[in-house]
Amino acid sequence: MSTLKKNKRIKRAAQVELYGDLKPGRGNKKVERGKAKYLGGNGRKTTGISKRVYRQNLKKIQVVENGSVVTRRVPVRLIRSGAIIKPVATDPFALPDHN
């Protein structure tokens, strides 16, 4: 195995550990007709099933990784939960404090 492939796999594994796997999930979309039995109907009947993908809600943001700032596509659920460390924005024209 070449070193390039090995390094690529190590890098990918570290990214998956931080942000989870960003691949979309797969499932079915089901179309039904009829009235549910508990509402007095004869029951719901499936009229069509089609394949679909459940994509994650990804946002492109800057994050701090190993002390450096990089741009990544990150799930919004991780941003909301506080698992992602964002860089601290500083005012470019602010004078330094002399305390």
PDB file of N, CA and C in Angstrom:
ATOM      1  N   MET A   1       0.847  -1.180   0.000  1.00  0.00           N
ATOM      2  CA  MET A   1       0.000   0.000   0.000  1.00  0.00           C
ATOM      3  C   MET A   1       0.889   1.237   0.000  1.00  0.00           C
ATOM      4  N   SER A   2       0.528   2.186  -0.846  1.00  0.00           N
ATOM      5  CA  SER A   2       1.351   3.390  -0.927  1.00  0.00           C
ATOM      6  C   SER A   2       1.115   4.285   0.285  1.00  0.00           C
ATOM      7  N   THR A   3       2.101   5.097   0.597  1.00  0.00           N
ATOM      8  CA  THR A   3       2.013   6.013   1.728  1.00  0.00           C
ATOM      9  C   THR A   3       0.930   7.053   1.500  1.00  0.00           C
ATOM     10  N   LEU A   4       0.741   7.454   0.227  1.00  0.00           N
ATOM     11  CA  LEU A   4      -0.264   8.463  -0.102  1.00  0.00           C
ATOM     12  C   LEU A   4      -1.661   7.982   0.278  1.00  0.00           C
ATOM     13  N   LYS A   5      -1.974   6.739  -0.078  1.00  0.00           N
ATOM     14  CA  LYS A   5      -3.282   6.172   0.258  1.00  0.00           C
ATOM     15  C   LYS A   5      -3.452   6.071   1.764  1.00  0.00           C
ATOM     16  N   LYS A   6      -2.388   5.652   2.439  1.00  0.00           N
ATOM     17  CA  LYS A   6      -2.441   5.491   3.889  1.00  0.00           C
ATOM     18  C   LYS A   6      -2.689   6.837   4.564  1.00  0.00           C
ATOM     19  N   ASN A   7      -1.960   7.884   4.137  1.00  0.00           N
ATOM     20  CA  ASN A   7      -2.140   9.210   4.710  1.00  0.00           C
ATOM     21  C   ASN A   7      -3.542   9.750   4.445  1.00  0.00           C
ATOM     22  N   LYS A   8      -4.055   9.462   3.249  1.00  0.00           N
ATOM     23  CA  LYS A   8      -5.397   9.908   2.883  1.00  0.00           C
ATOM     24  C   LYS A   8      -6.433   9.251   3.800  1.00  0.00           C
ATOM     25  N   ARG A   9      -6.256   7.952   4.071  1.00  0.00           N
ATOM     26  CA  ARG A   9      -7.191   7.232   4.944  1.00  0.00           C
ATOM     27  C   ARG A   9      -7.120   7.740   6.371  1.00  0.00           C
ATOM     28  N   ILE A  10      -5.905   8.051   6.845  1.00  0.00           N
ATOM     29  CA  ILE A  10      -5.733   8.572   8.199  1.00  0.00           C
ATOM     30  C   ILE A  10      -6.416   9.933   8.325  1.00  0.00           C
ATOM     31  N   LYS A  11      -6.238  10.782   7.305  1.00  0.00           N
ATOM     32  CA  LYS A  11      -6.850  12.109   7.286  1.00  0.00           C
ATOM     33  C   LYS A  11      -8.381  11.994   7.290  1.00  0.00           C
ATOM     34  N   ARG A  12      -8.904  11.084   6.456  1.00  0.00           N
ATOM     35  CA  ARG A  12     -10.357  10.870   6.343  1.00  0.00           C
ATOM     36  C   ARG A  12     -10.913  10.353   7.666  1.00  0.00           C
ATOM     37  N   ALA A  13     -10.197   9.437   8.320  1.00  0.00           N
ATOM     38  CA  ALA A  13     -10.649   8.876   9.590  1.00  0.00           C
ATOM     39  C   ALA A  13     -10.724   9.956  10.671  1.00  0.00           C
ATOM     40  N   ALA A  14      -9.747  10.874  10.668  1.00  0.00           N
ATOM     41  CA  ALA A  14      -9.760  11.968  11.640  1.00  0.00           C
ATOM     42  C   ALA A  14     -10.943  12.893  11.402  1.00  0.00           C
ATOM     43  N   GLN A  15     -11.259  13.144  10.132  1.00  0.00           N
ATOM     44  CA  GLN A  15     -12.389  14.011   9.803  1.00  0.00           C
ATOM     45  C   GLN A  15     -13.716  13.361  10.191  1.00  0.00           C
ATOM     46  N   VAL A  16     -13.841  12.057   9.961  1.00  0.00           N
ATOM     47  CA  VAL A  16     -15.059  11.328  10.331  1.00  0.00           C
ATOM     48  C   VAL A  16     -15.228  11.328  11.845  1.00  0.00           C
ATOM     49  N   GLU A  17     -14.120  11.224  12.566  1.00  0.00           N
ATOM     50  CA  GLU A  17     -14.181  11.234  14.029  1.00  0.00           C
ATOM     51  C   GLU A  17     -14.684  12.581  14.551  1.00  0.00           C
ATOM     52  N   LEU A  18     -14.266  13.679  13.903  1.00  0.00           N
ATOM     53  CA  LEU A  18     -14.681  15.017  14.344  1.00  0.00           C
ATOM     54  C   LEU A  18     -16.117  15.346  13.963  1.00  0.00           C
ATOM     55  N   TYR A  19     -16.468  15.108  12.696  1.00  0.00           N
ATOM     56  CA  TYR A  19     -17.743  15.590  12.166  1.00  0.00           C
ATOM     57  C   TYR A  19     -18.743  14.495  11.840  1.00  0.00           C
ATOM     58  N   GLY A  20     -18.358  13.237  11.985  1.00  0.00           N
ATOM     59  CA  GLY A  20     -19.246  12.151  11.604  1.00  0.00           C
ATOM     60  C   GLY A  20     -19.178  11.936  10.098  1.00  0.00           C
ATOM     61  N   ASP A  21     -19.848  10.900   9.630  1.00  0.00           N
ATOM     62  CA  ASP A  21     -19.843  10.621   8.196  1.00  0.00           C
ATOM     63  C   ASP A  21     -20.872  11.521   7.531  1.00  0.00           C
ATOM     64  N   LEU A  22     -20.467  12.273   6.516  1.00  0.00           N
ATOM     65  CA  LEU A  22     -21.333  13.266   5.893  1.00  0.00           C
ATOM     66  C   LEU A  22     -22.092  12.707   4.693  1.00  0.00           C
ATOM     67  N   LYS A  23     -22.007  11.396   4.476  1.00  0.00           N
ATOM     68  CA  LYS A  23     -22.699  10.794   3.345  1.00  0.00           C
ATOM     69  C   LYS A  23     -24.208  10.799   3.600  1.00  0.00           C
ATOM     70  N   PRO A  24     -25.003  10.974   2.546  1.00  0.00           N
ATOM     71  CA  PRO A  24     -26.456  10.973   2.742  1.00  0.00           C
ATOM     72  C   PRO A  24     -26.984   9.572   3.034  1.00  0.00           C
ATOM     73  N   GLY A  25     -28.059   9.510   3.823  1.00  0.00           N
ATOM     74  CA  GLY A  25     -28.712   8.241   4.102  1.00  0.00           C
ATOM     75  C   GLY A  25     -29.666   7.896   2.975  1.00  0.00           C
ATOM     76  N   ARG A  26     -30.026   6.637   2.859  1.00  0.00           N
ATOM     77  CA  ARG A  26     -30.934   6.208   1.796  1.00  0.00           C
ATOM     78  C   ARG A  26     -32.209   5.653   2.406  1.00  0.00           C
ATOM     79  N   GLY A  27     -33.288   5.810   1.664  1.00  0.00           N
ATOM     80  CA  GLY A  27     -34.557   5.312   2.145  1.00  0.00           C
ATOM     81  C   GLY A  27     -35.593   5.344   1.039  1.00  0.00           C
ATOM     82  N   ASN A  28     -36.843   5.215   1.425  1.00  0.00           N
ATOM     83  CA  ASN A  28     -37.941   5.205   0.471  1.00  0.00           C
ATOM     84  C   ASN A  28     -38.899   6.346   0.741  1.00  0.00           C
ATOM     85  N   LYS A  29     -39.522   6.835  -0.340  1.00  0.00           N
ATOM     86  CA  LYS A  29     -40.605   7.799  -0.235  1.00  0.00           C
ATOM     87  C   LYS A  29     -41.872   7.027  -0.579  1.00  0.00           C
ATOM     88  N   LYS A  30     -42.843   7.063   0.318  1.00  0.00           N
ATOM     89  CA  LYS A  30     -44.050   6.267   0.144  1.00  0.00           C
ATOM     90  C   LYS A  30     -45.244   7.178  -0.089  1.00  0.00           C
ATOM     91  N   VAL A  31     -46.031   6.893  -1.117  1.00  0.00           N
ATOM     92  CA  VAL A  31     -47.252   7.644  -1.400  1.00  0.00           C
ATOM     93  C   VAL A  31     -48.435   6.734  -1.080  1.00  0.00           C
ATOM     94  N   GLU A  32     -49.383   7.261  -0.284  1.00  0.00           N
ATOM     95  CA  GLU A  32     -50.535   6.458   0.129  1.00  0.00           C
ATOM     96  C   GLU A  32     -51.831   7.163  -0.215  1.00  0.00           C
ATOM     97  N   ARG A  33     -52.906   6.390  -0.267  1.00  0.00           N
ATOM     98  CA  ARG A  33     -54.231   6.976  -0.395  1.00  0.00           C
ATOM     99  C   ARG A  33     -55.181   6.230   0.524  1.00  0.00           C
ATOM    100  N   GLY A  34     -56.324   6.819   0.778  1.00  0.00           N
ATOM    101  CA  GLY A  34     -57.312   6.199   1.651  1.00  0.00           C
ATOM    102  C   GLY A  34     -57.324   6.846   3.015  1.00  0.00           C
ATOM    103  N   LYS A  35     -58.264   6.423   3.828  1.00  0.00           N
ATOM    104  CA  LYS A  35     -58.471   6.974   5.164  1.00  0.00           C
ATOM    105  C   LYS A  35     -58.062   5.934   6.204  1.00  0.00           C
ATOM    106  N   ALA A  36     -57.372   6.370   7.245  1.00  0.00           N
ATOM    107  CA  ALA A  36     -56.900   5.455   8.285  1.00  0.00           C
ATOM    108  C   ALA A  36     -58.072   4.758   8.971  1.00  0.00           C
ATOM    109  N   LYS A  37     -57.847   3.528   9.429  1.00  0.00           N
ATOM    110  CA  LYS A  37     -58.913   2.746  10.067  1.00  0.00           C
ATOM    111  C   LYS A  37     -59.446   3.417  11.323  1.00  0.00           C
ATOM    112  N   TYR A  38     -58.534   4.015  12.114  1.00  0.00           N
ATOM    113  CA  TYR A  38     -58.987   4.625  13.360  1.00  0.00           C
ATOM    114  C   TYR A  38     -59.835   5.869  13.100  1.00  0.00           C
ATOM    115  N   LEU A  39     -59.824   6.366  11.874  1.00  0.00           N
ATOM    116  CA  LEU A  39     -60.676   7.506  11.518  1.00  0.00           C
ATOM    117  C   LEU A  39     -61.957   7.043  10.818  1.00  0.00           C
ATOM    118  N   GLY A  40     -62.167   5.718  10.764  1.00  0.00           N
ATOM    119  CA  GLY A  40     -63.404   5.188  10.175  1.00  0.00           C
ATOM    120  C   GLY A  40     -63.244   4.747   8.737  1.00  0.00           C
ATOM    121  N   GLY A  41     -62.018   4.675   8.246  1.00  0.00           N
ATOM    122  CA  GLY A  41     -61.800   4.280   6.858  1.00  0.00           C
ATOM    123  C   GLY A  41     -61.475   2.803   6.724  1.00  0.00           C
ATOM    124  N   ASN A  42     -61.126   2.417   5.518  1.00  0.00           N
ATOM    125  CA  ASN A  42     -60.817   1.025   5.206  1.00  0.00           C
ATOM    126  C   ASN A  42     -59.335   0.714   5.380  1.00  0.00           C
ATOM    127  N   GLY A  43     -58.519   1.723   5.691  1.00  0.00           N
ATOM    128  CA  GLY A  43     -57.082   1.540   5.841  1.00  0.00           C
ATOM    129  C   GLY A  43     -56.331   2.236   4.719  1.00  0.00           C
ATOM    130  N   ARG A  44     -55.083   2.598   4.985  1.00  0.00           N
ATOM    131  CA  ARG A  44     -54.259   3.281   3.990  1.00  0.00           C
ATOM    132  C   ARG A  44     -53.700   2.260   3.010  1.00  0.00           C
ATOM    133  N   LYS A  45     -53.691   2.602   1.728  1.00  0.00           N
ATOM    134  CA  LYS A  45     -53.130   1.727   0.688  1.00  0.00           C
ATOM    135  C   LYS A  45     -51.950   2.444   0.031  1.00  0.00           C
ATOM    136  N   THR A  46     -50.856   1.714  -0.133  1.00  0.00           N
ATOM    137  CA  THR A  46     -49.673   2.287  -0.776  1.00  0.00           C
ATOM    138  C   THR A  46     -49.867   2.280  -2.280  1.00  0.00           C
ATOM    139  N   THR A  47     -49.677   3.449  -2.920  1.00  0.00           N
ATOM    140  CA  THR A  47     -49.834   3.545  -4.372  1.00  0.00           C
ATOM    141  C   THR A  47     -48.490   3.696  -5.078  1.00  0.00           C
ATOM    142  N   GLY A  48     -47.429   3.987  -4.337  1.00  0.00           N
ATOM    143  CA  GLY A  48     -46.130   4.116  -4.985  1.00  0.00           C
ATOM    144  C   GLY A  48     -45.009   4.203  -3.975  1.00  0.00           C
ATOM    145  N   ILE A  49     -43.882   3.580  -4.311  1.00  0.00           N
ATOM    146  CA  ILE A  49     -42.674   3.651  -3.488  1.00  0.00           C
ATOM    147  C   ILE A  49     -41.519   4.024  -4.407  1.00  0.00           C
ATOM    148  N   SER A  50     -40.788   5.069  -4.047  1.00  0.00           N
ATOM    149  CA  SER A  50     -39.623   5.453  -4.845  1.00  0.00           C
ATOM    150  C   SER A  50     -38.436   5.681  -3.924  1.00  0.00           C
ATOM    151  N   LYS A  51     -37.251   5.431  -4.457  1.00  0.00           N
ATOM    152  CA  LYS A  51     -36.019   5.605  -3.687  1.00  0.00           C
ATOM    153  C   LYS A  51     -35.715   7.091  -3.526  1.00  0.00           C
ATOM    154  N   ARG A  52     -35.097   7.449  -2.410  1.00  0.00           N
ATOM    155  CA  ARG A  52     -34.668   8.833  -2.195  1.00  0.00           C
ATOM    156  C   ARG A  52     -33.463   8.848  -1.265  1.00  0.00           C
ATOM    157  N   VAL A  53     -32.813  10.017  -1.162  1.00  0.00           N
ATOM    158  CA  VAL A  53     -31.680  10.162  -0.252  1.00  0.00           C
ATOM    159  C   VAL A  53     -32.015  11.219   0.779  1.00  0.00           C
ATOM    160  N   TYR A  54     -31.604  10.971   2.000  1.00  0.00           N
ATOM    161  CA  TYR A  54     -31.780  11.919   3.095  1.00  0.00           C
ATOM    162  C   TYR A  54     -30.454  12.639   3.277  1.00  0.00           C
ATOM    163  N   ARG A  55     -30.370  13.872   2.757  1.00  0.00           N
ATOM    164  CA  ARG A  55     -29.117  14.630   2.834  1.00  0.00           C
ATOM    165  C   ARG A  55     -29.023  15.368   4.158  1.00  0.00           C
ATOM    166  N   GLN A  56     -27.813  15.442   4.689  1.00  0.00           N
ATOM    167  CA  GLN A  56     -27.597  16.182   5.925  1.00  0.00           C
ATOM    168  C   GLN A  56     -27.633  17.675   5.655  1.00  0.00           C
ATOM    169  N   ASN A  57     -28.000  18.423   6.677  1.00  0.00           N
ATOM    170  CA  ASN A  57     -28.040  19.876   6.585  1.00  0.00           C
ATOM    171  C   ASN A  57     -26.621  20.396   6.827  1.00  0.00           C
ATOM    172  N   LEU A  58     -25.845  20.570   5.751  1.00  0.00           N
ATOM    173  CA  LEU A  58     -24.442  20.977   5.855  1.00  0.00           C
ATOM    174  C   LEU A  58     -24.300  22.465   5.609  1.00  0.00           C
ATOM    175  N   LYS A  59     -23.381  23.090   6.335  1.00  0.00           N
ATOM    176  CA  LYS A  59     -23.096  24.500   6.156  1.00  0.00           C
ATOM    177  C   LYS A  59     -21.582  24.661   6.053  1.00  0.00           C
ATOM    178  N   LYS A  60     -21.149  25.505   5.135  1.00  0.00           N
ATOM    179  CA  LYS A  60     -19.718  25.730   4.930  1.00  0.00           C
ATOM    180  C   LYS A  60     -19.279  26.856   5.865  1.00  0.00           C
ATOM    181  N   ILE A  61     -18.459  26.521   6.862  1.00  0.00           N
ATOM    182  CA  ILE A  61     -18.001  27.511   7.841  1.00  0.00           C
ATOM    183  C   ILE A  61     -16.511  27.322   8.118  1.00  0.00           C
ATOM    184  N   GLN A  62     -15.932  28.327   8.765  1.00  0.00           N
ATOM    185  CA  GLN A  62     -14.552  28.225   9.210  1.00  0.00           C
ATOM    186  C   GLN A  62     -14.541  27.616  10.607  1.00  0.00           C
ATOM    187  N   VAL A  63     -13.665  26.651  10.821  1.00  0.00           N
ATOM    188  CA  VAL A  63     -13.532  25.994  12.116  1.00  0.00           C
ATOM    189  C   VAL A  63     -12.062  25.965  12.516  1.00  0.00           C
ATOM    190  N   VAL A  64     -11.825  25.807  13.814  1.00  0.00           N
ATOM    191  CA  VAL A  64     -10.453  25.698  14.322  1.00  0.00           C
ATOM    192  C   VAL A  64     -10.118  24.221  14.463  1.00  0.00           C
ATOM    193  N   GLU A  65      -9.083  23.780  13.727  1.00  0.00           N
ATOM    194  CA  GLU A  65      -8.620  22.391  13.788  1.00  0.00           C
ATOM    195  C   GLU A  65      -7.127  22.385  14.069  1.00  0.00           C
ATOM    196  N   ASN A  66      -6.724  21.779  15.137  1.00  0.00           N
ATOM    197  CA  ASN A  66      -5.305  21.680  15.519  1.00  0.00           C
ATOM    198  C   ASN A  66      -4.624  23.046  15.546  1.00  0.00           C
ATOM    199  N   GLY A  67      -5.336  24.058  16.025  1.00  0.00           N
ATOM    200  CA  GLY A  67      -4.767  25.391  16.162  1.00  0.00           C
ATOM    201  C   GLY A  67      -4.790  26.236  14.903  1.00  0.00           C
ATOM    202  N   SER A  68      -5.229  25.686  13.775  1.00  0.00           N
ATOM    203  CA  SER A  68      -5.298  26.474  12.543  1.00  0.00           C
ATOM    204  C   SER A  68      -6.754  26.587  12.087  1.00  0.00           C
ATOM    205  N   VAL A  69      -7.050  27.645  11.341  1.00  0.00           N
ATOM    206  CA  VAL A  69      -8.405  27.889  10.858  1.00  0.00           C
ATOM    207  C   VAL A  69      -8.548  27.305   9.460  1.00  0.00           C
ATOM    208  N   VAL A  70      -9.550  26.423   9.283  1.00  0.00           N
ATOM    209  CA  VAL A  70      -9.812  25.807   7.985  1.00  0.00           C
ATOM    210  C   VAL A  70     -11.301  25.915   7.680  1.00  0.00           C
ATOM    211  N   THR A  71     -11.649  25.859   6.399  1.00  0.00           N
ATOM    212  CA  THR A  71     -13.046  25.886   5.980  1.00  0.00           C
ATOM    213  C   THR A  71     -13.518  24.454   5.767  1.00  0.00           C
ATOM    214  N   ARG A  72     -14.630  24.098   6.373  1.00  0.00           N
ATOM    215  CA  ARG A  72     -15.179  22.746   6.277  1.00  0.00           C
ATOM    216  C   ARG A  72     -16.681  22.813   6.063  1.00  0.00           C
ATOM    217  N   ARG A  73     -17.238  21.739   5.476  1.00  0.00           N
ATOM    218  CA  ARG A  73     -18.688  21.573   5.399  1.00  0.00           C
ATOM    219  C   ARG A  73     -19.090  20.759   6.617  1.00  0.00           C
ATOM    220  N   VAL A  74     -19.856  21.394   7.514  1.00  0.00           N
ATOM    221  CA  VAL A  74     -20.148  20.822   8.826  1.00  0.00           C
ATOM    222  C   VAL A  74     -21.659  20.701   9.003  1.00  0.00           C
ATOM    223  N   PRO A  75     -22.150  19.611   9.620  1.00  0.00           N
ATOM    224  CA  PRO A  75     -23.580  19.503   9.902  1.00  0.00           C
ATOM    225  C   PRO A  75     -24.032  20.587  10.879  1.00  0.00           C
ATOM    226  N   VAL A  76     -25.186  21.168  10.625  1.00  0.00           N
ATOM    227  CA  VAL A  76     -25.714  22.240  11.462  1.00  0.00           C
ATOM    228  C   VAL A  76     -25.992  21.735  12.881  1.00  0.00           C
ATOM    229  N   ARG A  77     -26.333  20.458  13.032  1.00  0.00           N
ATOM    230  CA  ARG A  77     -26.611  19.910  14.373  1.00  0.00           C
ATOM    231  C   ARG A  77     -25.371  20.000  15.273  1.00  0.00           C
ATOM    232  N   LEU A  78     -24.161  19.869  14.677  1.00  0.00           N
ATOM    233  CA  LEU A  78     -22.942  19.992  15.471  1.00  0.00           C
ATOM    234  C   LEU A  78     -22.652  21.442  15.834  1.00  0.00           C
ATOM    235  N   ILE A  79     -23.003  22.367  14.929  1.00  0.00           N
ATOM    236  CA  ILE A  79     -22.802  23.792  15.220  1.00  0.00           C
ATOM    237  C   ILE A  79     -23.717  24.211  16.372  1.00  0.00           C
ATOM    238  N   ARG A  80     -24.982  23.784  16.307  1.00  0.00           N
ATOM    239  CA  ARG A  80     -25.960  24.146  17.340  1.00  0.00           C
ATOM    240  C   ARG A  80     -25.610  23.546  18.700  1.00  0.00           C
ATOM    241  N   SER A  81     -25.078  22.327  18.690  1.00  0.00           N
ATOM    242  CA  SER A  81     -24.778  21.658  19.956  1.00  0.00           C
ATOM    243  C   SER A  81     -23.511  22.197  20.613  1.00  0.00           C
ATOM    244  N   GLY A  82     -22.727  22.987  19.870  1.00  0.00           N
ATOM    245  CA  GLY A  82     -21.501  23.559  20.418  1.00  0.00           C
ATOM    246  C   GLY A  82     -20.295  22.646  20.284  1.00  0.00           C
ATOM    247  N   ALA A  83     -20.411  21.594  19.468  1.00  0.00           N
ATOM    248  CA  ALA A  83     -19.297  20.663  19.288  1.00  0.00           C
ATOM    249  C   ALA A  83     -18.217  21.228  18.367  1.00  0.00           C
ATOM    250  N   ILE A  84     -18.551  22.278  17.610  1.00  0.00           N
ATOM    251  CA  ILE A  84     -17.622  22.885  16.666  1.00  0.00           C
ATOM    252  C   ILE A  84     -17.037  24.157  17.281  1.00  0.00           C
ATOM    253  N   ILE A  85     -15.718  24.312  17.184  1.00  0.00           N
ATOM    254  CA  ILE A  85     -15.059  25.515  17.702  1.00  0.00           C
ATOM    255  C   ILE A  85     -14.839  26.469  16.534  1.00  0.00           C
ATOM    256  N   LYS A  86     -15.494  27.624  16.591  1.00  0.00           N
ATOM    257  CA  LYS A  86     -15.337  28.631  15.547  1.00  0.00           C
ATOM    258  C   LYS A  86     -14.192  29.568  15.914  1.00  0.00           C
ATOM    259  N   PRO A  87     -13.525  30.170  14.925  1.00  0.00           N
ATOM    260  CA  PRO A  87     -12.462  31.131  15.236  1.00  0.00           C
ATOM    261  C   PRO A  87     -13.056  32.409  15.822  1.00  0.00           C
ATOM    262  N   VAL A  88     -12.320  33.041  16.718  1.00  0.00           N
ATOM    263  CA  VAL A  88     -12.776  34.279  17.338  1.00  0.00           C
ATOM    264  C   VAL A  88     -12.484  35.432  16.388  1.00  0.00           C
ATOM    265  N   ALA A  89     -13.533  36.168  16.027  1.00  0.00           N
ATOM    266  CA  ALA A  89     -13.370  37.295  15.108  1.00  0.00           C
ATOM    267  C   ALA A  89     -12.819  38.491  15.874  1.00  0.00           C
ATOM    268  N   THR A  90     -11.780  39.117  15.336  1.00  0.00           N
ATOM    269  CA  THR A  90     -11.199  40.299  15.973  1.00  0.00           C
ATOM    270  C   THR A  90     -11.374  41.496  15.063  1.00  0.00           C
ATOM    271  N   ASP A  91     -11.536  42.674  15.655  1.00  0.00           N
ATOM    272  CA  ASP A  91     -11.703  43.900  14.898  1.00  0.00           C
ATOM    273  C   ASP A  91     -10.344  44.280  14.303  1.00  0.00           C
ATOM    274  N   PRO A  92     -10.232  44.418  12.965  1.00  0.00           N
ATOM    275  CA  PRO A  92      -8.940  44.688  12.356  1.00  0.00           C
ATOM    276  C   PRO A  92      -8.371  46.088  12.697  1.00  0.00           C
ATOM    277  N   PHE A  93      -9.250  47.028  13.070  1.00  0.00           N
ATOM    278  CA  PHE A  93      -8.790  48.391  13.329  1.00  0.00           C
ATOM    279  C   PHE A  93      -8.758  48.735  14.812  1.00  0.00           C
ATOM    280  N   ALA A  94      -8.985  47.757  15.674  1.00  0.00           N
ATOM    281  CA  ALA A  94      -8.989  48.028  17.113  1.00  0.00           C
ATOM    282  C   ALA A  94      -7.554  48.208  17.610  1.00  0.00           C
ATOM    283  N   LEU A  95      -7.381  49.145  18.526  1.00  0.00           N
ATOM    284  CA  LEU A  95      -6.069  49.385  19.129  1.00  0.00           C
ATOM    285  C   LEU A  95      -5.847  48.377  20.253  1.00  0.00           C
ATOM    286  N   PRO A  96      -4.636  47.899  20.447  1.00  0.00           N
ATOM    287  CA  PRO A  96      -4.375  46.939  21.525  1.00  0.00           C
ATOM    288  C   PRO A  96      -4.555  47.596  22.893  1.00  0.00           C
ATOM    289  N   ASP A  97      -5.047  46.784  23.833  1.00  0.00           N
ATOM    290  CA  ASP A  97      -5.228  47.289  25.201  1.00  0.00           C
ATOM    291  C   ASP A  97      -3.894  47.394  25.913  1.00  0.00           C
ATOM    292  N   HIS A  98      -3.659  48.531  26.619  1.00  0.00           N
ATOM    293  CA  HIS A  98      -2.453  48.711  27.413  1.00  0.00           C
ATOM    294  C   HIS A  98      -2.865  48.821  28.883  1.00  0.00           C
ATOM    295  N   ASN A  99      -2.971  47.677  29.550  1.00  0.00           N
ATOM    296  CA  ASN A  99      -3.378  47.660  30.950  1.00  0.00           C
ATOM    297  C   ASN A  99      -2.199  47.578  31.876  1.00  0.00           C
TER     298      ASN A  99
END
